[in-house]
């Protein structure tokens, strides 16, 4: 059991003003005081809740992205799926095992400060793989692929999956309005007829929402995952996020898979903020973005009682970033992979600078390895360098994956 304190850090948590102080961890949870081990951050680091990615497809995180050809864009997701399966990216990806792909996705999350993610695939495809990841991929959710006649019929059916989510206090997660054909554009009406529109719903993309749809979603207390990069790449349009925020929709951020989306959540945050500026001519406040990838996302997952903020009794899901900007929210929004100093999952350090090995009594556990990121020695749960080498061996060349911030030949 871990007992330690991060001392003299700037603590940044939703709903509170940032303050300089100590954050204790006792076992899996945040505590008022830590144990005998204290790591002095010397007021040079910001301490945040670790980040939450509300939308990814963990089998699909391979590069480069696959999108529309010749300056065209898609009407719905279906022709993209056909293009993907005909692409060189898919051919190359197919040389890797499903275990390889899920492991890569786990590290995509880890190296961007994410400890909680949803893998938007049915349980029949991922239930054996999610527990093997170095981060938390939620297993408690109801699922549908979409709400159209041509969706992939994931799960046990929309009504049954939604009922299951309500009964168990889980999210019900589905793509929605991801396109501009007649069915996609009337998905909210279809859900209303099924009596499926409430605060358990987490809708992904929502690019063809009408103003009326937005009001209905806000009134129902449903959540939305905004995936700006993927939307623009595939459709050249994104969700009406300003109207959603004004209406009070619980808005979160997702990456989608790296087959269409950004490299990771840190890259997505930057892209989405700049996209908002281009679309609306004003800024999306960094504090709002911080909430979207922490407490808003926890609420969308029905996990706000467990994670999303740094409160006593919640899980010790913690991200420590180098302080490069005096404003803690701007510091997060502008952070890069190399700025991560420590990442903690339920009290357990899973990635960090070697100075944090004191938490392990100075000795790195056997199931950890060392790598170099930006010439700094880092410890990490598992063996991502070995994974990277295996990927390169299977595809037959030195594949570069931009969400892995190290060279496997430069292990510490």
Protein backbone atom coordinates (compact mmCIF):
# COMPACT_ATOMS: atom_id res chain seq x y z
CA UNK A 1 0.00 0.00 0.00
CA UNK A 2 1.28 3.46 -0.94
CA UNK A 3 1.53 6.26 1.61
CA UNK A 4 3.18 9.46 0.49
CA UNK A 5 2.71 13.18 0.01
CA UNK A 6 3.48 15.52 -2.86
CA UNK A 7 4.64 18.62 -0.98
CA UNK A 8 4.83 22.26 -2.01
CA UNK A 9 3.03 21.81 -5.29
CA UNK A 10 0.38 24.08 -6.76
CA UNK A 11 -2.80 22.02 -6.35
CA UNK A 12 -5.32 22.56 -9.16
CA UNK A 13 -8.75 20.98 -8.78
CA UNK A 14 -12.17 21.80 -10.29
CA UNK A 15 -14.37 23.98 -8.14
CA UNK A 16 -11.50 25.34 -6.04
CA UNK A 17 -8.97 28.09 -6.38
CA UNK A 18 -5.45 26.77 -7.00
CA UNK A 19 -3.30 26.80 -3.88
CA UNK A 20 0.21 25.86 -2.84
CA UNK A 21 0.29 22.95 -0.43
CA UNK A 22 0.57 19.20 0.03
CA UNK A 23 -1.45 16.37 -1.48
CA UNK A 24 -1.46 13.13 0.44
CA UNK A 25 -2.07 9.62 -0.86
CA UNK A 26 -3.02 6.68 1.33
CA UNK A 27 -3.50 3.41 -0.52
CA UNK A 28 -5.64 4.05 -3.59
CA UNK A 29 -7.11 7.32 -2.37
CA UNK A 30 -6.33 10.94 -1.73
CA UNK A 31 -5.84 11.62 1.96
CA UNK A 32 -5.50 14.70 4.14
CA UNK A 33 -1.91 13.73 4.99
CA UNK A 34 0.60 11.42 3.40
CA UNK A 35 2.96 8.90 4.91
CA UNK A 36 6.62 9.18 5.77
CA UNK A 37 7.63 9.66 2.12
CA UNK A 38 7.43 13.27 0.98
CA UNK A 39 8.41 14.52 -2.45
CA UNK A 40 9.15 18.25 -2.41
CA UNK A 41 7.91 19.87 -5.63
CA UNK A 42 9.46 23.21 -4.58
CA UNK A 43 6.52 25.18 -6.02
CA UNK A 44 7.83 24.36 -9.51
CA UNK A 45 5.10 21.90 -10.47
CA UNK A 46 1.33 21.95 -10.92
CA UNK A 47 -0.66 19.05 -9.51
CA UNK A 48 -3.89 18.23 -11.38
CA UNK A 49 -6.39 15.40 -11.51
CA UNK A 50 -5.17 13.07 -14.24
CA UNK A 51 -6.98 13.49 -17.54
CA UNK A 52 -10.01 11.61 -18.86
CA UNK A 53 -10.52 10.85 -22.57
CA UNK A 54 -14.23 10.25 -23.21
CA UNK A 55 -13.87 8.73 -26.68
CA UNK A 56 -11.32 6.43 -28.26
CA UNK A 57 -11.23 3.16 -30.20
CA UNK A 58 -8.28 1.34 -28.70
CA UNK A 59 -7.89 -1.16 -31.51
CA UNK A 60 -7.57 1.66 -34.03
CA UNK A 61 -4.69 3.76 -32.72
CA UNK A 62 -2.32 3.34 -35.61
CA UNK A 63 -0.85 6.01 -37.87
CA UNK A 64 -1.05 7.68 -40.34
CA UNK A 65 -4.70 8.72 -40.32
CA UNK A 66 -7.01 7.61 -43.12
CA UNK A 67 -9.42 10.17 -44.54
CA UNK A 68 -11.28 11.38 -47.61
CA UNK A 69 -9.49 11.67 -50.94
CA UNK A 70 -9.06 14.53 -53.41
CA UNK A 71 -10.33 17.31 -51.18
CA UNK A 72 -13.69 15.67 -50.60
CA UNK A 73 -15.33 14.93 -47.26
CA UNK A 74 -17.63 12.20 -46.01
CA UNK A 75 -21.40 12.34 -45.66
CA UNK A 76 -21.42 9.64 -42.95
CA UNK A 77 -18.88 7.37 -41.24
CA UNK A 78 -19.62 4.38 -43.50
CA UNK A 79 -17.49 5.30 -46.54
CA UNK A 80 -14.62 6.10 -44.19
CA UNK A 81 -14.79 2.56 -42.81
CA UNK A 82 -14.55 1.25 -46.37
CA UNK A 83 -11.57 3.52 -47.12
CA UNK A 84 -9.84 2.43 -43.91
CA UNK A 85 -10.07 -1.26 -44.75
CA UNK A 86 -8.65 -0.60 -48.23
CA UNK A 87 -5.75 1.54 -46.93
CA UNK A 88 -2.04 0.89 -46.48
CA UNK A 89 -2.44 1.93 -42.85
CA UNK A 90 -4.89 -0.92 -42.29
CA UNK A 91 -2.69 -3.38 -44.19
CA UNK A 92 0.27 -2.41 -42.03
CA UNK A 93 -1.79 -2.42 -38.84
CA UNK A 94 -2.98 -5.92 -39.62
CA UNK A 95 0.54 -7.22 -39.06
CA UNK A 96 0.13 -6.46 -35.36
CA UNK A 97 -1.84 -8.50 -32.88
CA UNK A 98 -4.89 -7.13 -31.12
CA UNK A 99 -2.80 -7.25 -27.92
CA UNK A 100 -0.16 -5.05 -29.60
CA UNK A 101 -2.75 -2.50 -30.66
CA UNK A 102 -4.38 -2.29 -27.24
CA UNK A 103 -1.00 -1.96 -25.54
CA UNK A 104 -0.05 0.89 -27.90
CA UNK A 105 -3.33 2.58 -27.04
CA UNK A 106 -2.68 2.22 -23.34
CA UNK A 107 0.62 4.05 -23.77
CA UNK A 108 -0.97 6.64 -26.05
CA UNK A 109 -3.13 7.49 -23.04
CA UNK A 110 -0.38 7.23 -20.43
CA UNK A 111 2.10 9.47 -22.24
CA UNK A 112 -0.55 12.20 -22.54
CA UNK A 113 -1.51 12.26 -18.86
CA UNK A 114 -4.68 10.20 -19.32
CA UNK A 115 -5.51 7.52 -16.78
CA UNK A 116 -9.19 6.95 -17.67
CA UNK A 117 -10.59 6.26 -21.13
CA UNK A 118 -13.54 4.63 -22.85
CA UNK A 119 -12.78 2.10 -25.56
CA UNK A 120 -15.85 2.45 -27.75
CA UNK A 121 -16.18 -1.18 -28.70
CA UNK A 122 -18.59 -3.81 -27.39
CA UNK A 123 -17.61 -5.85 -24.34
CA UNK A 124 -17.44 -9.00 -26.44
CA UNK A 125 -14.41 -7.54 -28.23
CA UNK A 126 -12.48 -5.88 -25.41
CA UNK A 127 -13.36 -7.45 -22.04
CA UNK A 128 -10.24 -9.63 -21.94
CA UNK A 129 -7.92 -6.85 -23.10
CA UNK A 130 -8.90 -3.84 -21.01
CA UNK A 131 -7.55 -5.24 -17.71
CA UNK A 132 -4.10 -5.71 -19.30
CA UNK A 133 -3.58 -1.99 -19.97
CA UNK A 134 -1.33 0.29 -17.89
CA UNK A 135 -4.22 2.75 -17.47
CA UNK A 136 -7.94 2.44 -16.63
CA UNK A 137 -10.22 1.68 -19.54
CA UNK A 138 -13.72 1.67 -18.09
CA UNK A 139 -15.61 -1.61 -18.32
CA UNK A 140 -18.94 -0.44 -16.88
CA UNK A 141 -20.96 1.10 -19.70
CA UNK A 142 -23.93 0.46 -21.95
CA UNK A 143 -23.13 0.76 -25.63
CA UNK A 144 -24.54 1.30 -29.09
CA UNK A 145 -22.57 2.00 -32.23
CA UNK A 146 -24.98 4.62 -33.54
CA UNK A 147 -28.73 5.17 -33.91
CA UNK A 148 -29.27 4.39 -37.61
CA UNK A 149 -30.39 1.40 -39.65
CA UNK A 150 -26.82 0.98 -40.96
CA UNK A 151 -24.98 1.03 -37.63
CA UNK A 152 -22.89 -1.93 -36.51
CA UNK A 153 -25.41 -3.30 -33.98
CA UNK A 154 -23.02 -3.37 -31.05
CA UNK A 155 -24.16 -4.75 -27.73
CA UNK A 156 -27.55 -6.27 -26.96
CA UNK A 157 -29.60 -3.54 -28.62
CA UNK A 158 -30.06 0.14 -27.84
CA UNK A 159 -33.00 -0.26 -25.46
CA UNK A 160 -31.46 -3.12 -23.49
CA UNK A 161 -28.04 -1.43 -23.26
CA UNK A 162 -29.61 1.83 -22.10
CA UNK A 163 -31.72 0.04 -19.50
CA UNK A 164 -28.62 -1.74 -18.26
CA UNK A 165 -26.80 1.60 -17.89
CA UNK A 166 -29.65 3.19 -15.95
CA UNK A 167 -30.03 0.19 -13.64
CA UNK A 168 -26.32 0.11 -12.78
CA UNK A 169 -25.56 3.86 -12.76
CA UNK A 170 -23.35 3.55 -15.82
CA UNK A 171 -23.06 5.76 -18.89
CA UNK A 172 -24.82 4.75 -22.09
CA UNK A 173 -22.34 5.62 -24.84
CA UNK A 174 -23.03 5.92 -28.55
CA UNK A 175 -21.96 7.83 -31.63
CA UNK A 176 -24.76 10.19 -32.60
CA UNK A 177 -25.45 12.48 -35.55
CA UNK A 178 -22.08 11.60 -37.10
CA UNK A 179 -23.06 12.63 -40.59
CA UNK A 180 -25.62 14.43 -42.69
CA UNK A 181 -27.92 11.88 -44.22
CA UNK A 182 -31.57 11.87 -43.15
CA UNK A 183 -31.18 9.20 -40.49
CA UNK A 184 -28.11 10.70 -38.86
CA UNK A 185 -29.69 14.14 -38.70
CA UNK A 186 -32.79 12.83 -36.92
CA UNK A 187 -31.12 10.61 -34.35
CA UNK A 188 -32.36 12.56 -31.33
CA UNK A 189 -35.95 12.11 -32.50
CA UNK A 190 -35.29 8.39 -32.92
CA UNK A 191 -33.98 8.15 -29.35
CA UNK A 192 -36.95 10.11 -28.03
CA UNK A 193 -39.33 7.59 -29.61
CA UNK A 194 -37.44 4.85 -27.77
CA UNK A 195 -37.63 6.91 -24.54
CA UNK A 196 -33.81 6.98 -24.44
CA UNK A 197 -32.69 10.52 -23.70
CA UNK A 198 -31.50 11.22 -20.17
CA UNK A 199 -28.45 11.97 -18.05
CA UNK A 200 -26.97 8.50 -18.58
CA UNK A 201 -26.38 9.29 -22.26
CA UNK A 202 -22.92 10.19 -23.52
CA UNK A 203 -23.16 11.13 -27.19
CA UNK A 204 -20.09 11.18 -29.43
CA UNK A 205 -19.48 13.70 -32.27
CA UNK A 206 -22.99 15.20 -32.70
CA UNK A 207 -21.91 17.21 -35.73
CA UNK A 208 -25.40 17.47 -37.23
CA UNK A 209 -27.26 18.49 -34.08
CA UNK A 210 -29.92 21.11 -34.69
CA UNK A 211 -30.43 23.93 -32.20
CA UNK A 212 -33.52 22.06 -31.00
CA UNK A 213 -31.43 18.91 -30.50
CA UNK A 214 -28.98 20.85 -28.36
CA UNK A 215 -31.76 22.19 -26.13
CA UNK A 216 -33.22 18.70 -25.73
CA UNK A 217 -29.83 17.22 -24.81
CA UNK A 218 -29.18 20.00 -22.30
CA UNK A 219 -32.63 19.57 -20.72
CA UNK A 220 -32.10 15.81 -20.44
CA UNK A 221 -28.73 16.29 -18.71
CA UNK A 222 -26.92 14.21 -21.32
CA UNK A 223 -23.21 14.62 -22.07
CA UNK A 224 -21.35 15.14 -25.35
CA UNK A 225 -17.81 14.14 -26.35
CA UNK A 226 -16.31 16.69 -28.74
CA UNK A 227 -13.73 15.23 -31.15
CA UNK A 228 -12.79 18.30 -33.14
CA UNK A 229 -9.80 16.97 -35.07
CA UNK A 230 -11.56 13.83 -36.28
CA UNK A 231 -14.67 15.82 -37.20
CA UNK A 232 -12.76 18.32 -39.32
CA UNK A 233 -10.56 15.64 -40.89
CA UNK A 234 -13.52 13.51 -41.98
CA UNK A 235 -16.37 15.98 -42.44
CA UNK A 236 -14.87 19.50 -42.51
CA UNK A 237 -17.35 20.50 -39.81
CA UNK A 238 -17.65 19.96 -36.07
CA UNK A 239 -20.25 20.15 -33.32
CA UNK A 240 -21.86 23.47 -32.36
CA UNK A 241 -19.82 23.63 -29.20
CA UNK A 242 -20.47 27.29 -28.37
CA UNK A 243 -24.23 26.72 -28.47
CA UNK A 244 -23.80 23.56 -26.40
CA UNK A 245 -21.86 25.41 -23.73
CA UNK A 246 -24.39 28.24 -23.68
CA UNK A 247 -27.23 25.71 -23.32
CA UNK A 248 -25.47 24.03 -20.40
CA UNK A 249 -24.59 20.71 -22.03
CA UNK A 250 -21.99 18.73 -20.09
CA UNK A 251 -19.27 18.97 -22.75
CA UNK A 252 -16.17 16.77 -22.72
CA UNK A 253 -13.30 16.06 -25.12
CA UNK A 254 -12.39 12.83 -26.90
CA UNK A 255 -9.64 11.96 -29.32
CA UNK A 256 -11.41 9.36 -31.44
CA UNK A 257 -8.88 6.81 -32.66
CA UNK A 258 -5.61 7.99 -34.13
CA UNK A 259 -6.77 6.55 -37.45
CA UNK A 260 -8.78 9.78 -37.88
CA UNK A 261 -8.07 11.81 -34.76
CA UNK A 262 -5.21 13.68 -33.19
CA UNK A 263 -2.16 11.95 -31.75
CA UNK A 264 -3.42 12.07 -28.16
CA UNK A 265 -5.50 14.12 -25.74
CA UNK A 266 -2.85 16.83 -25.24
CA UNK A 267 -2.75 17.39 -29.00
CA UNK A 268 -6.55 17.29 -29.19
CA UNK A 269 -6.88 19.98 -26.53
CA UNK A 270 -4.64 22.34 -28.47
CA UNK A 271 -6.37 21.66 -31.77
CA UNK A 272 -9.85 22.10 -30.33
CA UNK A 273 -8.97 25.39 -28.69
CA UNK A 274 -7.55 26.79 -31.92
CA UNK A 275 -10.55 25.45 -33.84
CA UNK A 276 -12.88 27.27 -31.44
CA UNK A 277 -10.95 30.51 -32.07
CA UNK A 278 -11.27 30.06 -35.84
CA UNK A 279 -14.96 29.22 -35.68
CA UNK A 280 -16.12 31.86 -33.24
CA UNK A 281 -13.48 34.57 -33.17
CA UNK A 282 -12.96 34.37 -29.43
CA UNK A 283 -11.23 32.14 -26.93
CA UNK A 284 -12.38 29.01 -25.17
CA UNK A 285 -11.04 29.62 -21.65
CA UNK A 286 -8.29 27.28 -20.53
CA UNK A 287 -10.13 26.72 -17.25
CA UNK A 288 -13.19 25.48 -19.15
CA UNK A 289 -11.02 23.06 -21.15
CA UNK A 290 -9.50 21.81 -17.88
CA UNK A 291 -12.99 21.06 -16.59
CA UNK A 292 -13.93 19.31 -19.84
CA UNK A 293 -11.09 16.77 -19.49
CA UNK A 294 -11.48 16.26 -15.73
CA UNK A 295 -14.73 16.70 -13.79
CA UNK A 296 -17.05 17.00 -16.83
CA UNK A 297 -15.63 13.78 -18.22
CA UNK A 298 -15.94 12.03 -14.84
CA UNK A 299 -19.59 13.11 -14.72
CA UNK A 300 -20.17 11.77 -18.25
CA UNK A 301 -18.79 8.40 -17.10
CA UNK A 302 -20.87 8.48 -13.89
CA UNK A 303 -17.58 8.47 -11.95
CA UNK A 304 -17.62 11.96 -10.43
CA UNK A 305 -17.78 10.44 -6.94
CA UNK A 306 -14.50 8.61 -7.61
CA UNK A 307 -12.33 10.73 -9.89
CA UNK A 308 -12.12 14.01 -11.81
CA UNK A 309 -10.99 16.21 -8.90
CA UNK A 310 -8.44 16.15 -6.07
CA UNK A 311 -10.66 15.60 -3.07
CA UNK A 312 -10.09 13.53 0.05
CA UNK A 313 -11.58 10.07 -0.39
CA UNK A 314 -11.47 10.10 -4.19
CA UNK A 315 -9.10 7.88 -6.13
CA UNK A 316 -5.54 9.13 -6.30
CA UNK A 317 -5.62 9.85 -10.04
CA UNK A 318 -2.96 12.55 -10.29
CA UNK A 319 -1.01 14.35 -13.01
CA UNK A 320 2.04 16.46 -12.15
CA UNK A 321 3.22 18.86 -14.84
CA UNK A 322 6.23 21.11 -15.04
CA UNK A 323 5.20 24.71 -14.38
CA UNK A 324 6.01 26.56 -17.61
CA UNK A 325 3.20 29.10 -17.38
CA UNK A 326 2.16 31.05 -14.28
CA UNK A 327 -1.49 30.34 -15.04
CA UNK A 328 -2.18 26.70 -14.09
CA UNK A 329 -4.95 26.27 -16.67
CA UNK A 330 -2.89 27.69 -19.52
CA UNK A 331 -0.07 25.46 -18.31
CA UNK A 332 -2.24 22.39 -18.82
CA UNK A 333 -3.71 23.44 -22.15
CA UNK A 334 -0.25 24.13 -23.58
CA UNK A 335 1.46 21.09 -22.06
CA UNK A 336 3.42 18.61 -24.14
CA UNK A 337 4.27 14.99 -23.43
CA UNK A 338 7.75 15.97 -22.27
CA UNK A 339 6.27 18.20 -19.53
CA UNK A 340 4.81 15.28 -17.55
CA UNK A 341 6.72 14.75 -14.33
CA UNK A 342 4.49 12.15 -12.69
CA UNK A 343 1.31 10.22 -13.47
CA UNK A 344 -0.57 8.32 -10.78
CA UNK A 345 -3.43 5.83 -11.15
CA UNK A 346 -5.42 5.07 -7.97
CA UNK A 347 -2.44 6.02 -5.82
CA UNK A 348 0.06 3.99 -7.84
CA UNK A 349 2.73 5.90 -9.80
CA UNK A 350 2.67 4.49 -13.33
CA UNK A 351 5.02 6.96 -15.04
CA UNK A 352 7.40 9.61 -13.85
CA UNK A 353 10.80 11.11 -13.32
CA UNK A 354 13.17 8.93 -11.35
CA UNK A 355 13.12 11.33 -8.39
CA UNK A 356 9.66 9.98 -7.62
CA UNK A 357 11.05 6.46 -7.12
CA UNK A 358 11.28 7.35 -3.43
CA UNK A 359 7.60 6.42 -3.36
CA UNK A 360 8.78 2.85 -4.05
CA UNK A 361 11.45 3.14 -1.32
CA UNK A 362 14.00 4.02 -3.97
CA UNK A 363 13.80 0.77 -5.92
CA UNK A 364 11.94 0.45 -9.19
CA UNK A 365 9.52 -2.51 -9.14
CA UNK A 366 10.27 -5.46 -11.43
CA UNK A 367 7.29 -4.80 -13.70
CA UNK A 368 8.60 -1.32 -14.58
CA UNK A 369 11.24 -0.22 -17.09
CA UNK A 370 13.17 2.99 -17.79
CA UNK A 371 13.09 5.11 -20.94
CA UNK A 372 14.42 8.52 -21.94
CA UNK A 373 11.97 11.28 -22.82
CA UNK A 374 13.48 14.58 -23.93
CA UNK A 375 16.83 13.27 -22.60
CA UNK A 376 15.33 12.76 -19.13
CA UNK A 377 15.30 9.37 -17.44
CA UNK A 378 11.75 8.20 -16.71
CA UNK A 379 10.28 5.09 -15.15
CA UNK A 380 7.15 3.54 -16.61
CA UNK A 381 4.85 0.63 -15.83
CA UNK A 382 5.42 -2.18 -18.31
CA UNK A 383 7.81 -2.19 -21.25
CA UNK A 384 6.76 0.30 -23.93
CA UNK A 385 10.24 0.25 -25.49
CA UNK A 386 9.99 -3.50 -25.94
CA UNK A 387 6.53 -3.04 -27.46
CA UNK A 388 7.83 -0.38 -29.84
CA UNK A 389 10.61 -2.72 -30.96
CA UNK A 390 8.14 -5.53 -31.51
CA UNK A 391 5.94 -3.27 -33.64
CA UNK A 392 8.91 -2.22 -35.77
CA UNK A 393 10.00 -5.81 -36.17
CA UNK A 394 6.52 -6.91 -37.30
CA UNK A 395 6.02 -4.11 -39.84
CA UNK A 396 9.60 -4.43 -41.09
CA UNK A 397 10.91 -0.88 -40.65
CA UNK A 398 11.45 1.81 -38.00
CA UNK A 399 7.85 2.88 -37.68
CA UNK A 400 7.38 6.22 -35.91
CA UNK A 401 4.28 6.64 -33.74
CA UNK A 402 3.95 10.25 -32.66
CA UNK A 403 2.18 9.41 -29.41
CA UNK A 404 5.25 7.53 -28.12
CA UNK A 405 7.69 10.26 -26.97
CA UNK A 406 10.89 8.21 -27.03
CA UNK A 407 13.13 6.09 -29.23
CA UNK A 408 13.19 2.45 -28.15
CA UNK A 409 16.93 2.21 -28.69
CA UNK A 410 17.47 4.94 -26.09
CA UNK A 411 16.23 3.10 -23.03
CA UNK A 412 17.71 4.44 -19.84
